N, C-alpha and C. Protein backbone atom coordinates (compact mmCIF):
# COMPACT_ATOMS: atom_id res chain seq x y z
N UNK A 1 0.86 -1.18 0.00
CA UNK A 1 0.00 0.00 0.00
C UNK A 1 0.89 1.24 0.00
N UNK A 2 0.56 2.17 -0.87
CA UNK A 2 1.32 3.41 -0.96
C UNK A 2 0.82 4.41 0.06
N UNK A 3 1.73 5.24 0.55
CA UNK A 3 1.34 6.28 1.51
C UNK A 3 0.47 7.31 0.82
N UNK A 4 -0.30 8.05 1.60
CA UNK A 4 -1.16 9.09 1.04
C UNK A 4 -0.33 10.17 0.37
N UNK A 5 0.87 10.40 0.86
CA UNK A 5 1.78 11.40 0.27
C UNK A 5 2.20 10.97 -1.14
N UNK A 6 2.53 9.71 -1.32
CA UNK A 6 2.93 9.20 -2.64
C UNK A 6 1.73 9.19 -3.58
N UNK A 7 0.56 8.78 -3.09
CA UNK A 7 -0.65 8.80 -3.92
C UNK A 7 -0.97 10.21 -4.38
N UNK A 8 -0.80 11.19 -3.49
CA UNK A 8 -1.05 12.60 -3.85
C UNK A 8 -0.05 13.04 -4.93
N UNK A 9 1.20 12.64 -4.80
CA UNK A 9 2.22 12.98 -5.81
C UNK A 9 1.86 12.35 -7.15
N UNK A 10 1.44 11.09 -7.15
CA UNK A 10 1.02 10.42 -8.38
C UNK A 10 -0.17 11.12 -9.02
N UNK A 11 -1.12 11.53 -8.18
CA UNK A 11 -2.30 12.22 -8.69
C UNK A 11 -1.91 13.56 -9.33
N UNK A 12 -0.99 14.28 -8.72
CA UNK A 12 -0.52 15.55 -9.26
C UNK A 12 0.17 15.35 -10.61
N UNK A 13 1.05 14.35 -10.68
CA UNK A 13 1.76 14.07 -11.94
C UNK A 13 0.79 13.64 -13.04
N UNK A 14 -0.12 12.74 -12.70
CA UNK A 14 -1.08 12.24 -13.69
C UNK A 14 -2.00 13.37 -14.16
N UNK A 15 -2.40 14.25 -13.25
CA UNK A 15 -3.25 15.38 -13.61
C UNK A 15 -2.52 16.31 -14.57
N UNK A 16 -1.25 16.59 -14.32
CA UNK A 16 -0.46 17.46 -15.19
C UNK A 16 -0.43 16.92 -16.62
N UNK A 17 -0.15 15.64 -16.75
CA UNK A 17 -0.04 15.02 -18.07
C UNK A 17 -1.41 14.98 -18.75
N UNK A 18 -2.45 14.61 -18.02
CA UNK A 18 -3.80 14.54 -18.59
C UNK A 18 -4.23 15.90 -19.12
N UNK A 19 -4.03 16.95 -18.34
CA UNK A 19 -4.42 18.30 -18.76
C UNK A 19 -3.62 18.71 -19.99
N UNK A 20 -2.34 18.43 -20.00
CA UNK A 20 -1.49 18.76 -21.15
C UNK A 20 -2.00 18.09 -22.43
N UNK A 21 -2.60 16.91 -22.28
CA UNK A 21 -3.11 16.17 -23.44
C UNK A 21 -4.59 16.48 -23.74
N UNK A 22 -5.15 17.49 -23.04
CA UNK A 22 -6.53 17.89 -23.30
C UNK A 22 -7.56 17.03 -22.61
N UNK A 23 -7.16 16.30 -21.60
CA UNK A 23 -8.06 15.41 -20.86
C UNK A 23 -8.12 15.85 -19.41
N UNK A 24 -8.86 15.10 -18.62
CA UNK A 24 -8.88 15.34 -17.17
C UNK A 24 -8.61 14.02 -16.46
N UNK A 25 -7.96 14.11 -15.33
CA UNK A 25 -7.75 12.92 -14.50
C UNK A 25 -9.05 12.64 -13.78
N UNK A 26 -9.59 11.44 -13.97
CA UNK A 26 -10.83 11.05 -13.30
C UNK A 26 -10.50 10.38 -11.96
N UNK A 27 -9.53 9.47 -11.98
CA UNK A 27 -9.18 8.72 -10.77
C UNK A 27 -7.89 7.97 -11.02
N UNK A 28 -7.30 7.47 -9.95
CA UNK A 28 -6.18 6.54 -10.08
C UNK A 28 -6.17 5.62 -8.88
N UNK A 29 -5.55 4.45 -9.09
CA UNK A 29 -5.45 3.48 -8.01
C UNK A 29 -4.22 2.62 -8.21
N UNK A 30 -3.67 2.14 -7.13
CA UNK A 30 -2.57 1.20 -7.18
C UNK A 30 -3.13 -0.14 -6.73
N UNK A 31 -3.03 -1.13 -7.60
CA UNK A 31 -3.58 -2.45 -7.30
C UNK A 31 -2.46 -3.48 -7.25
N UNK A 32 -2.70 -4.53 -6.49
CA UNK A 32 -1.72 -5.60 -6.40
C UNK A 32 -0.69 -5.35 -5.31
N UNK A 33 0.17 -6.35 -5.11
CA UNK A 33 1.23 -6.26 -4.10
C UNK A 33 2.51 -6.84 -4.67
N UNK A 34 3.61 -6.48 -4.05
CA UNK A 34 4.90 -7.03 -4.45
C UNK A 34 5.26 -6.69 -5.89
N UNK A 35 5.73 -7.68 -6.64
CA UNK A 35 6.16 -7.48 -8.01
C UNK A 35 5.03 -7.43 -9.01
N UNK A 36 3.80 -7.59 -8.58
CA UNK A 36 2.65 -7.58 -9.49
C UNK A 36 1.77 -6.35 -9.26
N UNK A 37 2.37 -5.22 -9.01
CA UNK A 37 1.60 -4.00 -8.77
C UNK A 37 1.27 -3.31 -10.10
N UNK A 38 0.11 -2.67 -10.13
CA UNK A 38 -0.32 -1.94 -11.32
C UNK A 38 -0.87 -0.58 -10.90
N UNK A 39 -0.33 0.47 -11.50
CA UNK A 39 -0.86 1.81 -11.32
C UNK A 39 -1.88 2.02 -12.42
N UNK A 40 -3.15 2.15 -12.03
CA UNK A 40 -4.23 2.37 -13.00
C UNK A 40 -4.63 3.84 -12.95
N UNK A 41 -4.59 4.47 -14.11
CA UNK A 41 -4.94 5.88 -14.24
C UNK A 41 -6.15 5.96 -15.16
N UNK A 42 -7.20 6.65 -14.70
CA UNK A 42 -8.43 6.78 -15.47
C UNK A 42 -8.58 8.22 -15.90
N UNK A 43 -8.73 8.44 -17.22
CA UNK A 43 -8.88 9.79 -17.76
C UNK A 43 -10.22 9.93 -18.47
N UNK A 44 -10.67 11.15 -18.60
CA UNK A 44 -11.91 11.44 -19.29
C UNK A 44 -11.70 12.69 -20.12
N UNK A 45 -12.64 12.95 -21.02
CA UNK A 45 -12.54 14.12 -21.90
C UNK A 45 -13.95 14.50 -22.33
N UNK A 46 -14.27 15.78 -22.16
CA UNK A 46 -15.59 16.26 -22.59
C UNK A 46 -15.55 16.55 -24.08
N UNK A 47 -16.61 16.39 -24.83
CA UNK A 47 -17.92 15.96 -24.36
C UNK A 47 -18.17 14.47 -24.54
N UNK A 48 -17.31 13.77 -25.31
CA UNK A 48 -17.63 12.38 -25.66
C UNK A 48 -16.69 11.33 -25.07
N UNK A 49 -15.87 11.70 -24.13
CA UNK A 49 -14.97 10.75 -23.52
C UNK A 49 -13.61 10.70 -24.20
N UNK A 50 -12.65 10.12 -23.51
CA UNK A 50 -11.29 10.00 -24.03
C UNK A 50 -11.20 8.88 -25.05
N UNK A 51 -10.33 9.07 -26.04
CA UNK A 51 -10.14 8.08 -27.09
C UNK A 51 -8.96 7.17 -26.76
N UNK A 52 -8.76 6.16 -27.58
CA UNK A 52 -7.60 5.27 -27.42
C UNK A 52 -6.32 6.08 -27.58
N UNK A 53 -6.31 7.02 -28.53
CA UNK A 53 -5.13 7.88 -28.73
C UNK A 53 -4.86 8.74 -27.50
N UNK A 54 -5.92 9.27 -26.87
CA UNK A 54 -5.75 10.05 -25.64
C UNK A 54 -5.10 9.20 -24.57
N UNK A 55 -5.58 7.97 -24.40
CA UNK A 55 -5.02 7.07 -23.39
C UNK A 55 -3.56 6.78 -23.69
N UNK A 56 -3.25 6.54 -24.94
CA UNK A 56 -1.88 6.25 -25.35
C UNK A 56 -0.96 7.44 -25.10
N UNK A 57 -1.43 8.64 -25.44
CA UNK A 57 -0.62 9.85 -25.23
C UNK A 57 -0.38 10.12 -23.75
N UNK A 58 -1.40 9.96 -22.93
CA UNK A 58 -1.24 10.17 -21.50
C UNK A 58 -0.31 9.10 -20.92
N UNK A 59 -0.46 7.87 -21.36
CA UNK A 59 0.39 6.78 -20.88
C UNK A 59 1.86 7.05 -21.20
N UNK A 60 2.12 7.44 -22.43
CA UNK A 60 3.49 7.72 -22.85
C UNK A 60 4.09 8.88 -22.04
N UNK A 61 3.33 9.99 -21.93
CA UNK A 61 3.81 11.15 -21.19
C UNK A 61 4.01 10.88 -19.71
N UNK A 62 3.06 10.16 -19.12
CA UNK A 62 3.15 9.86 -17.69
C UNK A 62 4.28 8.88 -17.41
N UNK A 63 4.48 7.92 -18.28
CA UNK A 63 5.56 6.95 -18.11
C UNK A 63 6.92 7.66 -18.06
N UNK A 64 7.12 8.60 -18.97
CA UNK A 64 8.38 9.37 -18.98
C UNK A 64 8.53 10.19 -17.71
N UNK A 65 7.46 10.83 -17.28
CA UNK A 65 7.51 11.65 -16.06
C UNK A 65 7.76 10.80 -14.82
N UNK A 66 7.13 9.62 -14.76
CA UNK A 66 7.35 8.72 -13.62
C UNK A 66 8.77 8.19 -13.59
N UNK A 67 9.36 7.97 -14.76
CA UNK A 67 10.77 7.53 -14.81
C UNK A 67 11.69 8.60 -14.24
N UNK A 68 11.40 9.87 -14.49
CA UNK A 68 12.22 10.97 -14.00
C UNK A 68 11.97 11.21 -12.51
N UNK A 69 10.71 11.32 -12.12
CA UNK A 69 10.35 11.62 -10.72
C UNK A 69 10.56 10.43 -9.79
N UNK A 70 10.31 9.23 -10.28
CA UNK A 70 10.49 7.96 -9.56
C UNK A 70 9.84 7.93 -8.16
N UNK A 71 8.51 8.22 -8.09
CA UNK A 71 7.86 8.24 -6.77
C UNK A 71 7.52 6.84 -6.22
N UNK A 72 7.54 5.81 -7.08
CA UNK A 72 7.15 4.47 -6.65
C UNK A 72 8.38 3.58 -6.61
N UNK A 73 8.63 3.00 -5.46
CA UNK A 73 9.77 2.09 -5.30
C UNK A 73 9.40 0.71 -5.85
N UNK A 74 10.32 0.12 -6.62
CA UNK A 74 10.09 -1.22 -7.13
C UNK A 74 9.36 -1.22 -8.46
N UNK A 75 9.14 -2.43 -8.96
CA UNK A 75 8.51 -2.61 -10.27
C UNK A 75 6.99 -2.46 -10.19
N UNK A 76 6.41 -1.96 -11.25
CA UNK A 76 4.96 -1.86 -11.38
C UNK A 76 4.63 -1.67 -12.85
N UNK A 77 3.38 -1.95 -13.20
CA UNK A 77 2.88 -1.71 -14.54
C UNK A 77 2.02 -0.47 -14.51
N UNK A 78 1.97 0.25 -15.64
CA UNK A 78 1.12 1.43 -15.78
C UNK A 78 0.02 1.13 -16.78
N UNK A 79 -1.23 1.38 -16.39
CA UNK A 79 -2.39 1.24 -17.28
C UNK A 79 -3.12 2.57 -17.30
N UNK A 80 -3.42 3.06 -18.49
CA UNK A 80 -4.22 4.28 -18.64
C UNK A 80 -5.45 3.92 -19.46
N UNK A 81 -6.63 4.23 -18.93
CA UNK A 81 -7.87 3.93 -19.64
C UNK A 81 -8.94 4.95 -19.24
N UNK A 82 -10.10 4.80 -19.83
CA UNK A 82 -11.23 5.64 -19.43
C UNK A 82 -11.91 4.98 -18.23
N UNK A 83 -12.72 5.73 -17.49
CA UNK A 83 -13.43 5.12 -16.35
C UNK A 83 -14.55 4.19 -16.78
N UNK A 84 -14.94 4.21 -18.05
CA UNK A 84 -15.97 3.31 -18.55
C UNK A 84 -17.38 3.80 -18.32
N UNK A 85 -18.33 3.08 -18.90
CA UNK A 85 -19.74 3.45 -18.80
C UNK A 85 -20.29 3.21 -17.40
N UNK A 86 -19.77 2.20 -16.71
CA UNK A 86 -20.22 1.90 -15.35
C UNK A 86 -19.15 2.34 -14.36
N UNK A 87 -18.72 3.58 -14.53
CA UNK A 87 -17.60 4.12 -13.77
C UNK A 87 -17.81 4.12 -12.26
N UNK A 88 -16.74 3.91 -11.56
CA UNK A 88 -16.73 3.96 -10.10
C UNK A 88 -16.91 5.41 -9.67
N UNK A 89 -17.69 5.60 -8.63
CA UNK A 89 -17.92 6.91 -8.04
C UNK A 89 -17.26 6.92 -6.67
N UNK A 90 -16.19 7.70 -6.53
CA UNK A 90 -15.46 7.75 -5.26
C UNK A 90 -15.48 9.14 -4.63
N UNK A 91 -15.28 10.14 -5.46
CA UNK A 91 -15.10 11.51 -4.97
C UNK A 91 -16.41 12.27 -5.06
N UNK A 92 -16.58 13.28 -4.21
CA UNK A 92 -17.82 14.06 -4.27
C UNK A 92 -18.14 14.58 -5.68
N UNK A 93 -17.14 15.04 -6.43
CA UNK A 93 -17.42 15.56 -7.77
C UNK A 93 -17.85 14.46 -8.74
N UNK A 94 -17.45 13.21 -8.50
CA UNK A 94 -17.94 12.09 -9.31
C UNK A 94 -19.46 11.97 -9.15
N UNK A 95 -19.91 12.02 -7.89
CA UNK A 95 -21.34 11.91 -7.61
C UNK A 95 -22.10 13.14 -8.14
N UNK A 96 -21.50 14.33 -7.99
CA UNK A 96 -22.16 15.55 -8.47
C UNK A 96 -22.43 15.47 -9.97
N UNK A 97 -21.50 14.90 -10.73
CA UNK A 97 -21.69 14.75 -12.18
C UNK A 97 -22.72 13.68 -12.52
N UNK A 98 -23.02 12.81 -11.58
CA UNK A 98 -23.96 11.72 -11.83
C UNK A 98 -25.39 12.04 -11.40
N UNK A 99 -25.65 13.25 -10.90
CA UNK A 99 -27.01 13.61 -10.48
C UNK A 99 -27.95 13.47 -11.67
N UNK A 100 -29.08 12.81 -11.42
CA UNK A 100 -30.07 12.56 -12.46
C UNK A 100 -29.88 11.23 -13.16
N UNK A 101 -28.77 10.55 -12.88
CA UNK A 101 -28.49 9.26 -13.50
C UNK A 101 -28.66 8.14 -12.47
N UNK A 102 -28.84 6.93 -12.97
CA UNK A 102 -29.00 5.78 -12.08
C UNK A 102 -27.62 5.36 -11.57
N UNK A 103 -27.55 5.15 -10.26
CA UNK A 103 -26.31 4.68 -9.64
C UNK A 103 -26.61 3.48 -8.75
N UNK A 104 -25.55 2.74 -8.44
CA UNK A 104 -25.62 1.68 -7.43
C UNK A 104 -24.73 2.15 -6.30
N UNK A 105 -25.21 2.03 -5.07
CA UNK A 105 -24.42 2.43 -3.91
C UNK A 105 -24.56 1.38 -2.82
N UNK A 106 -23.43 1.11 -2.13
CA UNK A 106 -23.43 0.21 -0.97
C UNK A 106 -22.93 1.01 0.22
N UNK A 107 -23.64 0.89 1.33
CA UNK A 107 -23.31 1.64 2.54
C UNK A 107 -22.87 0.71 3.66
N UNK A 108 -22.28 1.28 4.68
CA UNK A 108 -21.84 0.51 5.83
C UNK A 108 -22.94 0.30 6.86
N UNK A 109 -24.02 1.05 6.74
CA UNK A 109 -25.15 0.94 7.67
C UNK A 109 -26.44 0.76 6.89
N UNK A 110 -27.47 0.29 7.56
CA UNK A 110 -28.77 0.11 6.93
C UNK A 110 -29.37 1.46 6.54
N UNK A 111 -30.20 1.47 5.51
CA UNK A 111 -30.82 2.70 5.02
C UNK A 111 -31.72 3.36 6.06
N UNK A 112 -32.11 2.62 7.07
CA UNK A 112 -32.87 3.18 8.18
C UNK A 112 -32.09 4.34 8.81
N UNK A 113 -30.77 4.24 8.82
CA UNK A 113 -29.90 5.28 9.38
C UNK A 113 -29.94 6.57 8.57
N UNK A 114 -30.45 6.49 7.34
CA UNK A 114 -30.43 7.64 6.43
C UNK A 114 -31.83 8.18 6.15
N UNK A 115 -32.80 7.84 7.02
CA UNK A 115 -34.13 8.40 6.92
C UNK A 115 -35.18 7.51 6.28
N UNK A 116 -34.85 6.28 5.94
CA UNK A 116 -35.81 5.38 5.31
C UNK A 116 -36.56 4.61 6.40
N UNK A 117 -37.90 4.63 6.33
CA UNK A 117 -38.71 3.97 7.37
C UNK A 117 -39.52 2.79 6.84
N UNK A 118 -39.66 2.65 5.54
CA UNK A 118 -40.50 1.57 5.01
C UNK A 118 -39.87 0.22 5.34
N UNK A 119 -40.68 -0.73 5.82
CA UNK A 119 -40.16 -2.06 6.18
C UNK A 119 -39.42 -2.73 5.01
N UNK A 120 -39.85 -2.46 3.80
CA UNK A 120 -39.25 -3.06 2.61
C UNK A 120 -37.80 -2.59 2.38
N UNK A 121 -37.51 -1.33 2.74
CA UNK A 121 -36.20 -0.74 2.40
C UNK A 121 -35.30 -0.39 3.57
N UNK A 122 -35.83 -0.35 4.79
CA UNK A 122 -35.02 0.18 5.89
C UNK A 122 -33.81 -0.68 6.26
N UNK A 123 -33.85 -1.97 6.01
CA UNK A 123 -32.71 -2.84 6.34
C UNK A 123 -31.69 -2.94 5.21
N UNK A 124 -31.99 -2.35 4.06
CA UNK A 124 -31.07 -2.42 2.92
C UNK A 124 -29.76 -1.71 3.22
N UNK A 125 -28.69 -2.22 2.63
CA UNK A 125 -27.39 -1.55 2.70
C UNK A 125 -26.88 -1.21 1.30
N UNK A 126 -27.69 -1.53 0.30
CA UNK A 126 -27.34 -1.17 -1.07
C UNK A 126 -28.61 -0.90 -1.86
N UNK A 127 -28.48 -0.05 -2.88
CA UNK A 127 -29.64 0.28 -3.69
C UNK A 127 -29.18 0.75 -5.07
N UNK A 128 -30.05 0.57 -6.04
CA UNK A 128 -29.84 1.07 -7.39
C UNK A 128 -31.01 1.99 -7.71
N UNK A 129 -30.74 3.27 -7.75
CA UNK A 129 -31.78 4.29 -7.98
C UNK A 129 -31.13 5.50 -8.65
N UNK A 130 -31.97 6.41 -9.13
CA UNK A 130 -31.47 7.67 -9.68
C UNK A 130 -30.92 8.52 -8.53
N UNK A 131 -29.80 9.15 -8.78
CA UNK A 131 -29.20 10.05 -7.80
C UNK A 131 -29.91 11.40 -7.93
N UNK A 132 -30.54 11.86 -6.87
CA UNK A 132 -31.33 13.09 -6.95
C UNK A 132 -30.53 14.33 -6.54
N UNK A 133 -29.49 14.16 -5.73
CA UNK A 133 -28.67 15.31 -5.31
C UNK A 133 -27.33 14.81 -4.79
N UNK A 134 -26.34 15.69 -4.88
CA UNK A 134 -25.01 15.41 -4.31
C UNK A 134 -24.35 16.75 -4.00
N UNK A 135 -23.67 16.79 -2.87
CA UNK A 135 -22.91 17.98 -2.51
C UNK A 135 -21.66 17.54 -1.75
N UNK A 136 -20.95 18.46 -1.12
CA UNK A 136 -19.70 18.14 -0.45
C UNK A 136 -19.87 17.18 0.73
N UNK A 137 -21.09 17.08 1.29
CA UNK A 137 -21.33 16.23 2.45
C UNK A 137 -21.77 14.81 2.10
N UNK A 138 -22.58 14.69 1.03
CA UNK A 138 -23.10 13.37 0.70
C UNK A 138 -24.07 13.40 -0.46
N UNK A 139 -24.91 12.36 -0.54
CA UNK A 139 -25.82 12.21 -1.66
C UNK A 139 -27.25 12.01 -1.17
N UNK A 140 -28.19 12.16 -2.10
CA UNK A 140 -29.59 11.86 -1.82
C UNK A 140 -30.14 11.00 -2.95
N UNK A 141 -30.92 10.01 -2.58
CA UNK A 141 -31.65 9.20 -3.55
C UNK A 141 -33.01 8.86 -2.96
N UNK A 142 -33.99 8.64 -3.83
CA UNK A 142 -35.36 8.37 -3.38
C UNK A 142 -35.66 6.89 -3.58
N UNK A 143 -36.10 6.25 -2.50
CA UNK A 143 -36.51 4.84 -2.54
C UNK A 143 -37.98 4.78 -2.20
N UNK A 144 -38.80 4.41 -3.16
CA UNK A 144 -40.25 4.28 -2.95
C UNK A 144 -40.84 5.51 -2.26
N UNK A 145 -40.47 6.68 -2.74
CA UNK A 145 -41.04 7.92 -2.22
C UNK A 145 -40.36 8.50 -1.00
N UNK A 146 -39.40 7.80 -0.41
CA UNK A 146 -38.68 8.31 0.76
C UNK A 146 -37.27 8.70 0.35
N UNK A 147 -36.80 9.84 0.86
CA UNK A 147 -35.47 10.34 0.52
C UNK A 147 -34.44 9.83 1.52
N UNK A 148 -33.41 9.20 0.99
CA UNK A 148 -32.27 8.76 1.80
C UNK A 148 -31.16 9.78 1.64
N UNK A 149 -30.69 10.35 2.75
CA UNK A 149 -29.58 11.29 2.75
C UNK A 149 -28.37 10.55 3.32
N UNK A 150 -27.42 10.24 2.45
CA UNK A 150 -26.29 9.39 2.82
C UNK A 150 -24.99 10.19 2.81
N UNK A 151 -24.33 10.31 3.97
CA UNK A 151 -23.05 11.01 4.02
C UNK A 151 -21.96 10.19 3.31
N UNK A 152 -20.98 10.88 2.73
CA UNK A 152 -19.90 10.17 2.04
C UNK A 152 -19.16 9.21 2.97
N UNK A 153 -19.09 9.53 4.24
CA UNK A 153 -18.38 8.66 5.19
C UNK A 153 -19.05 7.29 5.33
N UNK A 154 -20.32 7.17 4.93
CA UNK A 154 -21.03 5.90 5.03
C UNK A 154 -21.08 5.13 3.70
N UNK A 155 -20.57 5.72 2.63
CA UNK A 155 -20.59 5.05 1.33
C UNK A 155 -19.34 4.18 1.20
N UNK A 156 -19.56 2.87 1.07
CA UNK A 156 -18.44 1.94 0.89
C UNK A 156 -18.05 1.84 -0.59
N UNK A 157 -19.06 1.80 -1.47
CA UNK A 157 -18.82 1.70 -2.90
C UNK A 157 -19.96 2.37 -3.63
N UNK A 158 -19.63 2.91 -4.80
CA UNK A 158 -20.65 3.49 -5.65
C UNK A 158 -20.21 3.39 -7.10
N UNK A 159 -21.17 3.26 -8.00
CA UNK A 159 -20.83 3.26 -9.42
C UNK A 159 -22.04 3.69 -10.23
N UNK A 160 -21.76 4.21 -11.40
CA UNK A 160 -22.79 4.58 -12.35
C UNK A 160 -23.36 3.31 -12.96
N UNK A 161 -24.65 3.26 -13.17
CA UNK A 161 -25.29 2.10 -13.79
C UNK A 161 -25.61 2.47 -15.23
N UNK A 162 -25.01 1.77 -16.17
CA UNK A 162 -25.24 2.03 -17.58
C UNK A 162 -26.59 1.48 -17.99
N UNK A 163 -27.39 2.32 -18.63
CA UNK A 163 -28.70 1.90 -19.12
C UNK A 163 -28.69 1.97 -20.64
N UNK A 164 -28.82 0.83 -21.28
CA UNK A 164 -28.81 0.74 -22.73
C UNK A 164 -30.15 1.20 -23.28
N UNK A 165 -30.10 2.09 -24.26
CA UNK A 165 -31.30 2.54 -24.95
C UNK A 165 -31.15 2.22 -26.42
N UNK A 166 -32.00 1.34 -26.96
CA UNK A 166 -31.91 1.01 -28.38
C UNK A 166 -32.01 2.26 -29.25
N UNK A 167 -31.32 2.25 -30.36
CA UNK A 167 -31.29 3.38 -31.28
C UNK A 167 -32.71 3.77 -31.68
N UNK A 168 -32.99 5.06 -31.62
CA UNK A 168 -34.30 5.55 -32.00
C UNK A 168 -35.33 5.51 -30.88
N UNK A 169 -34.98 4.91 -29.75
CA UNK A 169 -35.92 4.81 -28.63
C UNK A 169 -35.56 5.88 -27.62
N UNK A 170 -36.55 6.63 -27.15
CA UNK A 170 -36.31 7.66 -26.16
C UNK A 170 -36.29 7.05 -24.77
N UNK A 171 -35.56 7.72 -23.86
CA UNK A 171 -35.45 7.24 -22.48
C UNK A 171 -36.84 7.06 -21.86
N UNK A 172 -37.06 5.90 -21.26
CA UNK A 172 -38.32 5.60 -20.60
C UNK A 172 -39.40 5.07 -21.52
N UNK A 173 -39.14 5.09 -22.83
CA UNK A 173 -40.14 4.62 -23.79
C UNK A 173 -40.07 3.10 -23.91
N UNK A 174 -41.22 2.45 -23.88
CA UNK A 174 -41.28 1.00 -24.01
C UNK A 174 -41.20 0.62 -25.48
N UNK A 175 -40.59 -0.52 -25.74
CA UNK A 175 -40.51 -1.04 -27.10
C UNK A 175 -41.91 -1.44 -27.56
N UNK A 176 -42.29 -1.01 -28.74
CA UNK A 176 -43.62 -1.31 -29.28
C UNK A 176 -43.54 -2.59 -30.10
N UNK A 177 -44.38 -3.54 -29.80
CA UNK A 177 -44.35 -4.81 -30.51
C UNK A 177 -45.50 -4.93 -31.52
N UNK A 178 -46.08 -3.78 -31.88
CA UNK A 178 -47.19 -3.82 -32.84
C UNK A 178 -46.67 -4.14 -34.23
N UNK A 179 -47.57 -4.34 -35.15
CA UNK A 179 -47.19 -4.72 -36.50
C UNK A 179 -46.99 -3.51 -37.40
N UNK A 180 -46.75 -2.36 -36.82
CA UNK A 180 -46.53 -1.14 -37.57
C UNK A 180 -45.41 -1.34 -38.59
N UNK A 181 -45.64 -0.87 -39.78
CA UNK A 181 -44.61 -0.93 -40.80
C UNK A 181 -44.61 -2.23 -41.59
N UNK A 182 -45.40 -3.21 -41.18
CA UNK A 182 -45.47 -4.47 -41.94
C UNK A 182 -46.52 -4.34 -43.03
N UNK A 183 -46.28 -4.94 -44.16
CA UNK A 183 -47.28 -4.90 -45.21
C UNK A 183 -48.53 -5.68 -44.78
N UNK A 184 -49.68 -5.15 -45.13
CA UNK A 184 -50.91 -5.86 -44.78
C UNK A 184 -51.20 -6.93 -45.83
N UNK A 185 -51.91 -7.95 -45.41
CA UNK A 185 -52.22 -9.09 -46.30
C UNK A 185 -53.54 -8.89 -46.98
């Protein structure tokens, strides 16, 4: 496990390179132990996300900078990618950008602790619902008409839930199985 000081240094270096390449640093993590460690850097780019070329450019630039600065002792692999459609939500600004979208969240305490009283939902520790609000303190989501106000300190994991919408279909619209468009006999 890397110290918070080293992680902060890595975040600063990765942010510098990402910005230089026209992207933003979304997140980073160090995974694995010993000789099988991997530094994973996640970048994004408005409005349509980072491309493979963006990832390659950031990887190349960051690799050179890490060789010079050498903040990590020992061997490790570097991976640069986008956060993906079902991106992890860790930081308050991640949640703020996800307001209005469906997320999955797991908490350390039952939802009863966050204002939920319905017998069906009060014992839950995870939920998949639209995120209705987020600020520096925490998030809000509505479960069966009741608002759960969850502080960030109680969120163990969170991620965006990707919802596939077939081409030409509007959000919330049901697929029509009628015979429209078929020739009549």
